[in-house]
Amino acid sequence: MITFPKAKINFGLRITAERSDGYHDIETIFYPVNLADALEFVILKGNAEGDELAVTGFKIACRPENNIVIKALRRLRMDFSIPSLKVHLHKAIPSGAGLGGGSSDAASVIKAIIKYFDLAMNDQEMRSLALDLGSDCPFFIDPVPCFATGRGEVLQPVNPFLDGFFIAILNPGVSISTKEAYLSCHPAKPETPLEKLIKLPVEDWKKNIKNDFEEYAFNIYPVINDMKKALYRAGAIYSSLSGSGSSVFGIYKQKPKIPAKLKEYIIFEGVM
């Protein structure tokens, strides 16, 4: 069975409080984009024990047994009997890029296993299981635009607001640790909730919709800030770091002329 785990971008990301469980409360908008990995699995023949994972495309800096896809399979086996699988994961979404690639892979394998083996688990139960793997994993069970609060698992669907816009996503080829990014932030309640700010005209987003991780990301990798500035110079009506980085995206009313020096960093572009 083959599935295509989508990436997401974030519109705004505010760290609103530090929690007693070690996590942080946030508010953000998760928005799916058509950049996707490819994930395929088959049942291993014979009396094979354990799963096999092959990864192509962008490199992942972890051993196969520590990959979130294998962790998702182990979590599923706590509730269901599932045979050993051979999995091929092709990474088109870089790791540590703020695009939710790993979380999407985990959610996709959960959905695919439940469907393939006709197991008894509804969407809400899948979201609960996915939360064991990562705070944004529940979003990818049904990736539609959502206003997210809590750890990122409290999801309220919003109407799509990017239809017809052109998006360019750039990645500088570096990875940012989400854990370290959170440690750098100072939680605070925003004066105006993001769900109100997103209703402003798109031209006003630049001054009003912020990502709290940008200061940290720009300090350790100034090239990310340079990319954001270049996207604005190319005519973006809004540009931002996605998640905790390292990717940045630009929103345009029509396809822009991306400067030649940025083209090597483009990992996705197209009409939403």
Protein backbone atom coordinates (compact mmCIF):
# COMPACT_ATOMS: atom_id res chain seq x y z
CA MET A 1 0.00 0.00 0.00
CA ILE A 2 1.28 3.47 -0.84
CA THR A 3 0.34 6.82 0.68
CA PHE A 4 1.59 10.38 0.30
CA PRO A 5 2.09 12.22 3.61
CA LYS A 6 1.58 15.96 3.08
CA ALA A 7 3.59 18.80 4.56
CA LYS A 8 2.11 21.76 6.41
CA ILE A 9 3.04 25.39 6.92
CA ASN A 10 2.22 27.57 9.91
CA PHE A 11 0.49 30.92 9.81
CA GLY A 12 1.54 32.56 13.02
CA LEU A 13 2.97 30.61 15.91
CA ARG A 14 2.72 32.08 19.38
CA ILE A 15 4.00 30.33 22.51
CA THR A 16 1.33 31.29 25.02
CA ALA A 17 2.29 29.35 28.17
CA GLU A 18 4.66 26.79 29.64
CA ARG A 19 2.83 23.71 30.89
CA SER A 20 3.42 21.56 33.96
CA ASP A 21 3.87 18.48 31.74
CA GLY A 22 6.95 19.95 30.07
CA TYR A 23 5.17 21.01 26.89
CA HIS A 24 4.04 24.48 25.83
CA ASP A 25 0.66 25.87 24.90
CA ILE A 26 0.60 27.45 21.47
CA GLU A 27 -1.71 29.07 19.00
CA THR A 28 -1.10 28.65 15.28
CA ILE A 29 -2.81 27.81 12.04
CA PHE A 30 -1.75 24.57 10.38
CA TYR A 31 -2.23 24.72 6.63
CA PRO A 32 -1.58 21.69 4.38
CA VAL A 33 0.45 22.06 1.19
CA ASN A 34 0.95 19.65 -1.68
CA LEU A 35 4.60 18.94 -0.92
CA ALA A 36 4.55 15.27 0.12
CA ASP A 37 6.68 12.29 1.02
CA ALA A 38 5.85 8.83 -0.35
CA LEU A 39 5.37 5.90 1.99
CA GLU A 40 4.83 2.30 0.89
CA PHE A 41 4.62 -0.92 2.86
CA VAL A 42 4.23 -4.63 2.11
CA ILE A 43 3.94 -7.61 4.43
CA LEU A 44 7.24 -9.40 4.94
CA LYS A 45 7.09 -13.00 3.79
CA GLY A 46 7.98 -16.05 5.85
CA ASN A 47 8.57 -15.91 9.57
CA ALA A 48 10.25 -12.51 9.58
CA GLU A 49 10.42 -10.77 12.94
CA GLY A 50 10.64 -7.02 13.12
CA ASP A 51 10.07 -4.38 10.46
CA GLU A 52 12.40 -3.23 7.70
CA LEU A 53 12.66 0.45 6.77
CA ALA A 54 14.44 1.91 3.75
CA VAL A 55 14.68 5.69 3.40
CA THR A 56 15.48 7.56 0.20
CA GLY A 57 15.42 11.24 -0.72
CA PHE A 58 16.37 13.72 1.99
CA LYS A 59 18.50 12.10 4.67
CA ILE A 60 17.19 11.48 8.18
CA ALA A 61 19.73 11.68 10.99
CA CYS A 62 18.54 8.69 13.00
CA ARG A 63 18.73 4.93 12.95
CA PRO A 64 15.79 3.10 11.31
CA GLU A 65 14.55 1.74 14.63
CA ASN A 66 14.29 5.30 15.95
CA ASN A 67 12.38 6.62 12.94
CA ILE A 68 8.92 7.89 13.83
CA VAL A 69 7.34 5.53 11.26
CA ILE A 70 8.70 2.52 13.15
CA LYS A 71 7.65 4.12 16.44
CA ALA A 72 4.13 4.46 15.01
CA LEU A 73 4.10 0.76 14.12
CA ARG A 74 5.25 -0.18 17.61
CA ARG A 75 2.50 2.01 19.09
CA LEU A 76 -0.14 0.39 16.87
CA ARG A 77 0.98 -3.07 17.97
CA MET A 78 0.12 -2.17 21.54
CA ASP A 79 -3.52 -2.37 20.43
CA PHE A 80 -3.50 -4.61 17.36
CA SER A 81 -1.76 -7.69 15.97
CA ILE A 82 0.09 -6.51 12.86
CA PRO A 83 2.55 -8.65 10.86
CA SER A 84 6.11 -7.55 10.19
CA LEU A 85 6.30 -5.00 7.39
CA LYS A 86 8.80 -3.81 4.82
CA VAL A 87 8.50 -0.03 4.52
CA HIS A 88 9.95 2.32 1.94
CA LEU A 89 9.87 6.01 2.85
CA HIS A 90 10.90 8.55 0.22
CA LYS A 91 11.56 11.91 1.83
CA ALA A 92 10.67 14.97 -0.24
CA ILE A 93 10.05 16.95 2.97
CA PRO A 94 13.33 17.79 4.73
CA SER A 95 13.75 16.92 8.41
CA GLY A 96 13.95 19.72 10.98
CA ALA A 97 12.34 22.04 8.45
CA GLY A 98 9.21 23.13 10.31
CA LEU A 99 6.98 21.40 7.76
CA GLY A 100 5.78 18.48 9.88
CA GLY A 101 7.27 15.81 7.62
CA GLY A 102 7.96 13.24 10.32
CA SER A 103 4.62 13.81 12.03
CA SER A 104 2.84 13.45 8.70
CA ASP A 105 4.70 10.19 8.00
CA ALA A 106 3.60 8.81 11.37
CA ALA A 107 -0.03 9.83 10.90
CA SER A 108 -0.08 8.44 7.37
CA VAL A 109 1.23 5.04 8.41
CA ILE A 110 -1.38 4.91 11.18
CA LYS A 111 -4.20 5.68 8.73
CA ALA A 112 -2.84 3.27 6.12
CA ILE A 113 -2.46 0.38 8.58
CA ILE A 114 -5.96 0.90 9.97
CA LYS A 115 -7.41 0.91 6.45
CA TYR A 116 -5.31 -1.94 5.01
CA PHE A 117 -6.00 -4.36 7.85
CA ASP A 118 -9.58 -3.11 8.37
CA LEU A 119 -8.98 -2.39 12.04
CA ALA A 120 -11.58 -0.87 14.35
CA MET A 121 -10.43 2.68 15.01
CA ASN A 122 -12.18 5.94 14.10
CA ASP A 123 -10.55 9.28 13.30
CA GLN A 124 -10.74 10.60 16.85
CA GLU A 125 -9.15 7.44 18.22
CA MET A 126 -6.42 7.71 15.58
CA ARG A 127 -5.77 11.31 16.65
CA SER A 128 -5.47 10.23 20.27
CA LEU A 129 -2.99 7.51 19.33
CA ALA A 130 -1.05 9.90 17.06
CA LEU A 131 -0.65 12.37 19.93
CA ASP A 132 1.54 9.79 21.67
CA LEU A 133 4.03 10.31 18.84
CA GLY A 134 4.07 14.10 18.51
CA SER A 135 2.06 17.21 19.29
CA ASP A 136 1.21 17.99 15.66
CA CYS A 137 0.64 14.36 14.59
CA PRO A 138 -3.15 14.53 15.18
CA PHE A 139 -3.47 17.29 12.57
CA PHE A 140 -2.21 14.97 9.85
CA ILE A 141 -4.92 12.36 10.43
CA ASP A 142 -7.19 14.68 8.44
CA PRO A 143 -5.01 17.56 7.24
CA VAL A 144 -7.37 20.45 6.56
CA PRO A 145 -6.65 24.06 7.56
CA CYS A 146 -7.03 24.32 11.33
CA PHE A 147 -6.62 26.78 14.16
CA ALA A 148 -4.54 24.83 16.68
CA THR A 149 -4.20 25.41 20.42
CA GLY A 150 -3.09 23.36 23.41
CA ARG A 151 0.09 21.52 22.43
CA GLY A 152 -1.13 21.77 18.85
CA GLU A 153 -3.60 18.91 19.21
CA VAL A 154 -6.73 21.00 19.89
CA LEU A 155 -7.91 21.56 16.33
CA GLN A 156 -10.65 23.81 15.00
CA PRO A 157 -11.11 23.67 11.20
CA VAL A 158 -11.06 27.02 9.40
CA ASN A 159 -12.17 27.89 5.90
CA PRO A 160 -9.35 27.65 3.34
CA PHE A 161 -8.01 31.16 2.77
CA LEU A 162 -5.20 30.56 0.27
CA ASP A 163 -7.17 29.32 -2.73
CA GLY A 164 -5.68 30.84 -5.88
CA PHE A 165 -2.56 32.22 -4.19
CA PHE A 166 0.91 31.10 -5.27
CA ILE A 167 3.31 29.74 -2.65
CA ALA A 168 7.06 29.23 -2.69
CA ILE A 169 8.76 27.24 0.10
CA LEU A 170 12.52 27.53 0.58
CA ASN A 171 14.79 25.44 2.75
CA PRO A 172 18.45 26.31 3.44
CA GLY A 173 19.53 22.71 4.01
CA VAL A 174 19.94 23.01 7.77
CA SER A 175 17.93 21.39 10.55
CA ILE A 176 16.59 23.12 13.66
CA SER A 177 15.89 21.22 16.88
CA THR A 178 12.30 21.86 17.95
CA LYS A 179 13.25 21.21 21.58
CA GLU A 180 16.04 23.79 21.53
CA ALA A 181 13.80 26.28 19.71
CA TYR A 182 11.17 26.02 22.44
CA LEU A 183 13.79 26.49 25.15
CA SER A 184 14.75 29.80 23.54
CA CYS A 185 11.24 31.27 23.65
CA HIS A 186 9.51 33.32 26.34
CA PRO A 187 5.81 32.40 26.55
CA ALA A 188 3.30 35.27 26.56
CA LYS A 189 -0.35 35.74 25.76
CA PRO A 190 -0.76 37.73 22.51
CA GLU A 191 -2.86 40.89 22.71
CA THR A 192 -5.03 39.79 19.79
CA PRO A 193 -5.82 36.12 19.15
CA LEU A 194 -4.52 34.70 15.90
CA GLU A 195 -7.99 33.56 14.84
CA LYS A 196 -8.92 37.26 14.64
CA LEU A 197 -5.70 38.40 13.00
CA ILE A 198 -6.04 35.90 10.14
CA LYS A 199 -9.29 37.63 9.14
CA LEU A 200 -7.39 40.84 8.37
CA PRO A 201 -6.63 41.64 4.71
CA VAL A 202 -3.65 39.59 3.54
CA GLU A 203 -1.67 42.78 3.03
CA ASP A 204 -1.88 43.41 6.80
CA TRP A 205 -0.54 40.03 7.86
CA LYS A 206 3.10 41.12 7.55
CA LYS A 207 2.78 43.54 10.48
CA ASN A 208 0.43 41.47 12.61
CA ILE A 209 0.97 37.72 12.26
CA LYS A 210 4.19 36.61 13.92
CA ASN A 211 6.14 33.41 14.52
CA ASP A 212 7.84 33.41 17.92
CA PHE A 213 10.59 31.10 16.67
CA GLU A 214 11.92 33.52 14.06
CA GLU A 215 14.28 35.39 16.38
CA TYR A 216 15.95 32.14 17.45
CA ALA A 217 16.13 30.74 13.91
CA PHE A 218 17.48 33.98 12.44
CA ASN A 219 20.16 34.23 15.14
CA ILE A 220 21.59 30.76 14.59
CA TYR A 221 21.11 30.72 10.81
CA PRO A 222 21.10 34.29 9.39
CA VAL A 223 20.57 32.82 5.91
CA ILE A 224 16.95 32.07 6.90
CA ASN A 225 16.34 35.75 7.59
CA ASP A 226 18.03 36.61 4.29
CA MET A 227 15.64 34.25 2.50
CA LYS A 228 12.59 35.83 4.09
CA LYS A 229 13.75 39.31 3.08
CA ALA A 230 14.44 38.10 -0.46
CA LEU A 231 10.94 36.62 -0.75
CA TYR A 232 9.48 39.99 0.20
CA ARG A 233 11.70 41.72 -2.33
CA ALA A 234 10.35 39.30 -4.94
CA GLY A 235 6.84 40.57 -4.22
CA ALA A 236 5.51 38.34 -1.44
CA ILE A 237 2.47 39.74 0.35
CA TYR A 238 3.34 37.57 3.33
CA SER A 239 6.42 35.58 4.28
CA SER A 240 7.23 33.64 7.42
CA LEU A 241 9.26 30.94 9.05
CA SER A 242 7.22 27.73 9.19
CA GLY A 243 6.95 26.05 12.57
CA SER A 244 10.26 26.13 14.43
CA GLY A 245 12.09 26.27 11.08
CA SER A 246 14.22 26.02 9.08
CA SER A 247 11.94 26.55 6.06
CA VAL A 248 10.46 29.88 5.04
CA PHE A 249 7.59 30.46 2.65
CA GLY A 250 6.26 33.35 0.60
CA ILE A 251 2.66 33.94 -0.45
CA TYR A 252 2.07 35.70 -3.77
CA LYS A 253 -0.94 36.82 -5.79
CA GLN A 254 0.69 35.36 -8.88
CA LYS A 255 3.80 33.37 -9.77
CA PRO A 256 6.82 35.53 -8.93
CA LYS A 257 10.24 35.79 -10.48
CA ILE A 258 12.33 34.15 -7.79
CA PRO A 259 15.92 35.49 -7.81
CA ALA A 260 18.37 33.02 -9.33
CA LYS A 261 20.40 32.85 -6.11
CA LEU A 262 17.34 31.47 -4.28
CA LYS A 263 16.27 28.85 -6.79
CA GLU A 264 18.59 26.17 -5.39
CA TYR A 265 16.71 26.45 -2.08
CA ILE A 266 13.19 26.00 -3.50
CA ILE A 267 11.64 22.71 -2.37
CA PHE A 268 8.09 23.48 -3.46
CA GLU A 269 6.21 26.09 -5.47
CA GLY A 270 2.74 26.15 -6.95
CA VAL A 271 -0.79 27.48 -6.79
CA MET A 272 -2.69 26.63 -3.62
